[in-house]
Amino acid sequence: MQPSAVEEELVQNSNADPFSSIRDTRPTSQKRFAVHLILASLFFLYMAFLPLSINLSKTLKFNKALLWSSTNSAHTATIFAGINMFSMLVFSIISDAILGRARTILLGK
């Protein structure tokens, strides 16, 4: 068999997906704990991201080579944060739709 024929057969065979039969059989307490862990990780992510945007605006304002105004440096930090948050949301939806939940989580590790 040629490799392309094998790939076509795998695509046509719906049972070839190993993630299609995975069911969440955890108790409710474990599911809630998982949600709290995800929220805690997002909290710590944003707490680490905030100093980066603050340092960006301070660097743009006080660097002798740049000397941006306070307004321009604050706008730049806000645009940086907005693009970062928006792209994270968009690409997580795209990756979840294309790859599926299980593959997205496995690739993200």
N, C-alpha and C. Protein backbone atom coordinates (compact mmCIF):
# COMPACT_ATOMS: atom_id res chain seq x y z
N MET A 1 0.83 -1.18 0.00
CA MET A 1 0.00 0.00 0.00
C MET A 1 0.87 1.24 0.00
N GLN A 2 0.47 2.22 -0.74
CA GLN A 2 1.19 3.47 -0.79
C GLN A 2 0.84 4.31 0.45
N PRO A 3 1.76 5.19 0.88
CA PRO A 3 1.49 6.00 2.07
C PRO A 3 0.24 6.86 1.92
N SER A 4 -0.03 7.38 0.73
CA SER A 4 -1.21 8.22 0.56
C SER A 4 -2.49 7.41 0.72
N ALA A 5 -2.47 6.15 0.31
CA ALA A 5 -3.65 5.30 0.46
C ALA A 5 -3.90 5.00 1.94
N VAL A 6 -2.84 4.82 2.71
CA VAL A 6 -2.99 4.57 4.14
C VAL A 6 -3.56 5.81 4.83
N GLU A 7 -3.07 6.99 4.46
CA GLU A 7 -3.57 8.22 5.05
C GLU A 7 -5.04 8.42 4.72
N GLU A 8 -5.42 8.13 3.46
CA GLU A 8 -6.82 8.27 3.08
C GLU A 8 -7.69 7.29 3.86
N GLU A 9 -7.19 6.08 4.08
CA GLU A 9 -7.96 5.10 4.83
C GLU A 9 -8.13 5.54 6.28
N LEU A 10 -7.09 6.14 6.87
CA LEU A 10 -7.19 6.62 8.24
C LEU A 10 -8.18 7.78 8.35
N VAL A 11 -8.21 8.63 7.34
CA VAL A 11 -9.13 9.75 7.35
C VAL A 11 -10.57 9.25 7.22
N GLN A 12 -10.79 8.26 6.38
CA GLN A 12 -12.14 7.75 6.16
C GLN A 12 -12.63 6.90 7.33
N ASN A 13 -11.72 6.27 8.06
CA ASN A 13 -12.11 5.41 9.17
C ASN A 13 -12.34 6.27 10.41
N SER A 14 -13.58 6.39 10.86
CA SER A 14 -13.89 7.25 12.01
C SER A 14 -13.41 6.64 13.31
N ASN A 15 -13.16 5.33 13.35
CA ASN A 15 -12.68 4.70 14.58
C ASN A 15 -11.17 4.85 14.76
N ALA A 16 -10.49 5.49 13.81
CA ALA A 16 -9.04 5.64 13.89
C ALA A 16 -8.63 6.72 14.89
N ASP A 17 -9.56 7.58 15.29
CA ASP A 17 -9.24 8.65 16.23
C ASP A 17 -9.20 8.09 17.65
N PRO A 18 -8.03 8.07 18.29
CA PRO A 18 -7.95 7.49 19.64
C PRO A 18 -8.63 8.35 20.70
N PHE A 19 -8.89 9.63 20.41
CA PHE A 19 -9.47 10.52 21.38
C PHE A 19 -10.99 10.56 21.35
N SER A 20 -11.60 9.91 20.37
CA SER A 20 -13.05 9.98 20.24
C SER A 20 -13.77 9.18 21.32
N SER A 21 -13.13 8.18 21.89
CA SER A 21 -13.80 7.34 22.88
C SER A 21 -13.50 7.74 24.32
N ILE A 22 -12.78 8.85 24.53
CA ILE A 22 -12.43 9.27 25.88
C ILE A 22 -13.63 9.98 26.51
N ARG A 23 -14.06 9.49 27.68
CA ARG A 23 -15.16 10.09 28.41
C ARG A 23 -14.64 10.60 29.75
N ASP A 24 -15.22 11.67 30.23
CA ASP A 24 -14.84 12.22 31.52
C ASP A 24 -15.67 11.54 32.61
N THR A 25 -15.07 10.60 33.29
CA THR A 25 -15.80 9.84 34.31
C THR A 25 -15.38 10.24 35.73
N ARG A 26 -14.74 11.39 35.86
CA ARG A 26 -14.30 11.83 37.17
C ARG A 26 -15.50 12.26 38.01
N PRO A 27 -15.37 12.17 39.33
CA PRO A 27 -16.45 12.68 40.20
C PRO A 27 -16.55 14.21 40.09
N THR A 28 -17.68 14.72 40.52
CA THR A 28 -17.92 16.16 40.43
C THR A 28 -16.89 16.96 41.21
N SER A 29 -16.45 16.44 42.35
CA SER A 29 -15.46 17.19 43.14
C SER A 29 -14.14 17.33 42.39
N GLN A 30 -13.72 16.31 41.65
CA GLN A 30 -12.49 16.41 40.87
C GLN A 30 -12.65 17.38 39.70
N LYS A 31 -13.83 17.41 39.10
CA LYS A 31 -14.07 18.35 38.00
C LYS A 31 -14.00 19.79 38.52
N ARG A 32 -14.61 20.04 39.67
CA ARG A 32 -14.57 21.38 40.25
C ARG A 32 -13.14 21.77 40.63
N PHE A 33 -12.39 20.82 41.17
CA PHE A 33 -11.01 21.08 41.52
C PHE A 33 -10.19 21.43 40.28
N ALA A 34 -10.46 20.75 39.17
CA ALA A 34 -9.76 21.04 37.92
C ALA A 34 -10.08 22.45 37.43
N VAL A 35 -11.33 22.85 37.57
CA VAL A 35 -11.72 24.21 37.18
C VAL A 35 -10.99 25.24 38.03
N HIS A 36 -10.90 24.99 39.34
CA HIS A 36 -10.20 25.92 40.22
C HIS A 36 -8.71 25.97 39.91
N LEU A 37 -8.12 24.85 39.53
CA LEU A 37 -6.71 24.86 39.15
C LEU A 37 -6.48 25.67 37.87
N ILE A 38 -7.39 25.54 36.92
CA ILE A 38 -7.28 26.31 35.68
C ILE A 38 -7.40 27.80 35.97
N LEU A 39 -8.36 28.17 36.81
CA LEU A 39 -8.52 29.58 37.16
C LEU A 39 -7.31 30.11 37.92
N ALA A 40 -6.74 29.30 38.80
CA ALA A 40 -5.53 29.72 39.53
C ALA A 40 -4.36 29.90 38.57
N SER A 41 -4.22 29.01 37.60
CA SER A 41 -3.12 29.15 36.65
C SER A 41 -3.29 30.41 35.80
N LEU A 42 -4.53 30.74 35.43
CA LEU A 42 -4.76 31.99 34.70
C LEU A 42 -4.44 33.21 35.56
N PHE A 43 -4.80 33.15 36.83
CA PHE A 43 -4.48 34.24 37.75
C PHE A 43 -2.98 34.48 37.81
N PHE A 44 -2.22 33.40 37.98
CA PHE A 44 -0.77 33.54 38.06
C PHE A 44 -0.16 33.96 36.72
N LEU A 45 -0.78 33.55 35.62
CA LEU A 45 -0.32 33.99 34.30
C LEU A 45 -0.46 35.50 34.17
N TYR A 46 -1.60 36.03 34.56
CA TYR A 46 -1.81 37.47 34.44
C TYR A 46 -0.97 38.24 35.45
N MET A 47 -0.72 37.65 36.60
CA MET A 47 0.14 38.33 37.57
C MET A 47 1.58 38.39 37.08
N ALA A 48 1.97 37.44 36.26
CA ALA A 48 3.31 37.48 35.67
C ALA A 48 3.33 38.41 34.45
N PHE A 49 2.20 38.56 33.77
CA PHE A 49 2.14 39.38 32.56
C PHE A 49 2.09 40.87 32.90
N LEU A 50 1.43 41.21 33.99
CA LEU A 50 1.28 42.62 34.35
C LEU A 50 2.61 43.35 34.52
N PRO A 51 3.59 42.78 35.23
CA PRO A 51 4.88 43.48 35.32
C PRO A 51 5.57 43.66 33.98
N LEU A 52 5.34 42.75 33.04
CA LEU A 52 5.94 42.94 31.71
C LEU A 52 5.39 44.18 31.03
N SER A 53 4.08 44.39 31.10
CA SER A 53 3.52 45.57 30.45
C SER A 53 3.91 46.84 31.19
N ILE A 54 4.04 46.76 32.51
CA ILE A 54 4.49 47.94 33.26
C ILE A 54 5.94 48.28 32.90
N ASN A 55 6.78 47.27 32.81
CA ASN A 55 8.18 47.52 32.42
C ASN A 55 8.28 48.05 31.00
N LEU A 56 7.39 47.60 30.12
CA LEU A 56 7.39 48.12 28.76
C LEU A 56 7.11 49.61 28.75
N SER A 57 6.09 50.03 29.47
CA SER A 57 5.76 51.46 29.47
C SER A 57 6.85 52.29 30.17
N LYS A 58 7.45 51.76 31.24
CA LYS A 58 8.53 52.50 31.91
C LYS A 58 9.76 52.61 31.02
N THR A 59 10.07 51.53 30.30
CA THR A 59 11.23 51.56 29.42
C THR A 59 11.03 52.56 28.28
N LEU A 60 9.84 52.56 27.70
CA LEU A 60 9.58 53.50 26.61
C LEU A 60 9.63 54.95 27.08
N LYS A 61 9.23 55.18 28.31
CA LYS A 61 9.20 56.55 28.82
C LYS A 61 10.56 57.05 29.28
N PHE A 62 11.31 56.20 29.99
CA PHE A 62 12.53 56.68 30.65
C PHE A 62 13.82 56.31 29.93
N ASN A 63 13.75 55.54 28.85
CA ASN A 63 14.95 55.19 28.11
C ASN A 63 15.45 56.45 27.40
N LYS A 64 16.73 56.76 27.53
CA LYS A 64 17.27 58.00 26.96
C LYS A 64 17.24 58.01 25.44
N ALA A 65 17.27 56.84 24.83
CA ALA A 65 17.25 56.78 23.37
C ALA A 65 15.82 56.95 22.83
N LEU A 66 14.81 56.57 23.61
CA LEU A 66 13.43 56.61 23.11
C LEU A 66 12.69 57.86 23.57
N LEU A 67 12.63 58.07 24.89
CA LEU A 67 11.95 59.23 25.48
C LEU A 67 10.53 59.44 24.95
N TRP A 68 9.72 58.42 25.06
CA TRP A 68 8.31 58.54 24.66
C TRP A 68 7.57 59.30 25.74
N SER A 69 6.45 59.88 25.38
CA SER A 69 5.62 60.53 26.39
C SER A 69 4.88 59.47 27.21
N SER A 70 4.34 59.88 28.34
CA SER A 70 3.61 58.95 29.20
C SER A 70 2.39 58.38 28.47
N THR A 71 1.72 59.22 27.71
CA THR A 71 0.52 58.79 26.99
C THR A 71 0.87 57.74 25.94
N ASN A 72 1.90 58.00 25.15
CA ASN A 72 2.27 57.05 24.10
C ASN A 72 2.77 55.73 24.67
N SER A 73 3.55 55.79 25.74
CA SER A 73 4.04 54.55 26.32
C SER A 73 2.91 53.74 26.96
N ALA A 74 1.94 54.42 27.58
CA ALA A 74 0.79 53.72 28.16
C ALA A 74 -0.07 53.10 27.07
N HIS A 75 -0.26 53.83 25.97
CA HIS A 75 -1.03 53.28 24.85
C HIS A 75 -0.34 52.05 24.26
N THR A 76 0.97 52.10 24.14
CA THR A 76 1.71 50.97 23.59
C THR A 76 1.60 49.75 24.49
N ALA A 77 1.70 49.96 25.80
CA ALA A 77 1.56 48.84 26.74
C ALA A 77 0.15 48.26 26.69
N THR A 78 -0.85 49.12 26.54
CA THR A 78 -2.23 48.64 26.45
C THR A 78 -2.46 47.88 25.16
N ILE A 79 -1.92 48.37 24.06
CA ILE A 79 -2.06 47.66 22.78
C ILE A 79 -1.34 46.32 22.85
N PHE A 80 -0.17 46.29 23.47
CA PHE A 80 0.56 45.03 23.64
C PHE A 80 -0.26 44.03 24.44
N ALA A 81 -0.86 44.48 25.54
CA ALA A 81 -1.67 43.58 26.37
C ALA A 81 -2.91 43.12 25.62
N GLY A 82 -3.55 44.03 24.91
CA GLY A 82 -4.76 43.67 24.17
C GLY A 82 -4.50 42.68 23.06
N ILE A 83 -3.43 42.88 22.31
CA ILE A 83 -3.09 41.94 21.24
C ILE A 83 -2.74 40.58 21.81
N ASN A 84 -2.03 40.57 22.93
CA ASN A 84 -1.66 39.32 23.57
C ASN A 84 -2.90 38.55 24.03
N MET A 85 -3.81 39.21 24.71
CA MET A 85 -5.01 38.55 25.22
C MET A 85 -5.93 38.11 24.07
N PHE A 86 -6.09 38.97 23.08
CA PHE A 86 -6.97 38.64 21.95
C PHE A 86 -6.42 37.47 21.15
N SER A 87 -5.11 37.47 20.89
CA SER A 87 -4.54 36.36 20.11
C SER A 87 -4.60 35.06 20.90
N MET A 88 -4.45 35.13 22.22
CA MET A 88 -4.56 33.93 23.03
C MET A 88 -5.97 33.35 22.93
N LEU A 89 -6.97 34.19 22.96
CA LEU A 89 -8.35 33.74 22.86
C LEU A 89 -8.66 33.18 21.48
N VAL A 90 -8.26 33.89 20.44
CA VAL A 90 -8.55 33.45 19.07
C VAL A 90 -7.85 32.14 18.75
N PHE A 91 -6.57 32.04 19.07
CA PHE A 91 -5.84 30.83 18.71
C PHE A 91 -6.22 29.64 19.58
N SER A 92 -6.71 29.88 20.80
CA SER A 92 -7.20 28.74 21.59
C SER A 92 -8.49 28.20 21.00
N ILE A 93 -9.35 29.07 20.50
CA ILE A 93 -10.58 28.61 19.85
C ILE A 93 -10.25 27.87 18.56
N ILE A 94 -9.33 28.41 17.79
CA ILE A 94 -8.95 27.76 16.53
C ILE A 94 -8.31 26.40 16.79
N SER A 95 -7.40 26.34 17.75
CA SER A 95 -6.74 25.06 18.01
C SER A 95 -7.71 24.04 18.58
N ASP A 96 -8.66 24.49 19.39
CA ASP A 96 -9.63 23.56 19.94
C ASP A 96 -10.57 23.06 18.85
N ALA A 97 -10.93 23.93 17.90
CA ALA A 97 -11.82 23.51 16.83
C ALA A 97 -11.13 22.59 15.83
N ILE A 98 -9.87 22.85 15.53
CA ILE A 98 -9.17 22.05 14.53
C ILE A 98 -8.62 20.76 15.13
N LEU A 99 -7.95 20.86 16.26
CA LEU A 99 -7.29 19.70 16.83
C LEU A 99 -8.18 18.91 17.78
N GLY A 100 -9.13 19.54 18.40
CA GLY A 100 -9.93 18.89 19.42
C GLY A 100 -9.36 19.16 20.80
N ARG A 101 -10.19 18.97 21.81
CA ARG A 101 -9.78 19.32 23.17
C ARG A 101 -8.60 18.49 23.65
N ALA A 102 -8.65 17.20 23.45
CA ALA A 102 -7.60 16.33 24.00
C ALA A 102 -6.25 16.59 23.33
N ARG A 103 -6.25 16.73 22.02
CA ARG A 103 -4.97 16.98 21.33
C ARG A 103 -4.41 18.36 21.68
N THR A 104 -5.28 19.35 21.83
CA THR A 104 -4.82 20.68 22.21
C THR A 104 -4.15 20.65 23.57
N ILE A 105 -4.73 19.93 24.51
CA ILE A 105 -4.16 19.85 25.85
C ILE A 105 -2.83 19.09 25.80
N LEU A 106 -2.77 18.01 25.01
CA LEU A 106 -1.53 17.24 24.92
C LEU A 106 -0.42 18.05 24.28
N LEU A 107 -0.74 18.83 23.24
CA LEU A 107 0.28 19.63 22.57
C LEU A 107 0.70 20.82 23.43
N GLY A 108 -0.18 21.29 24.29
CA GLY A 108 0.14 22.43 25.14
C GLY A 108 1.03 22.10 26.30
N LYS A 109 1.20 20.82 26.58
CA LYS A 109 2.04 20.43 27.72
C LYS A 109 3.49 20.53 27.41
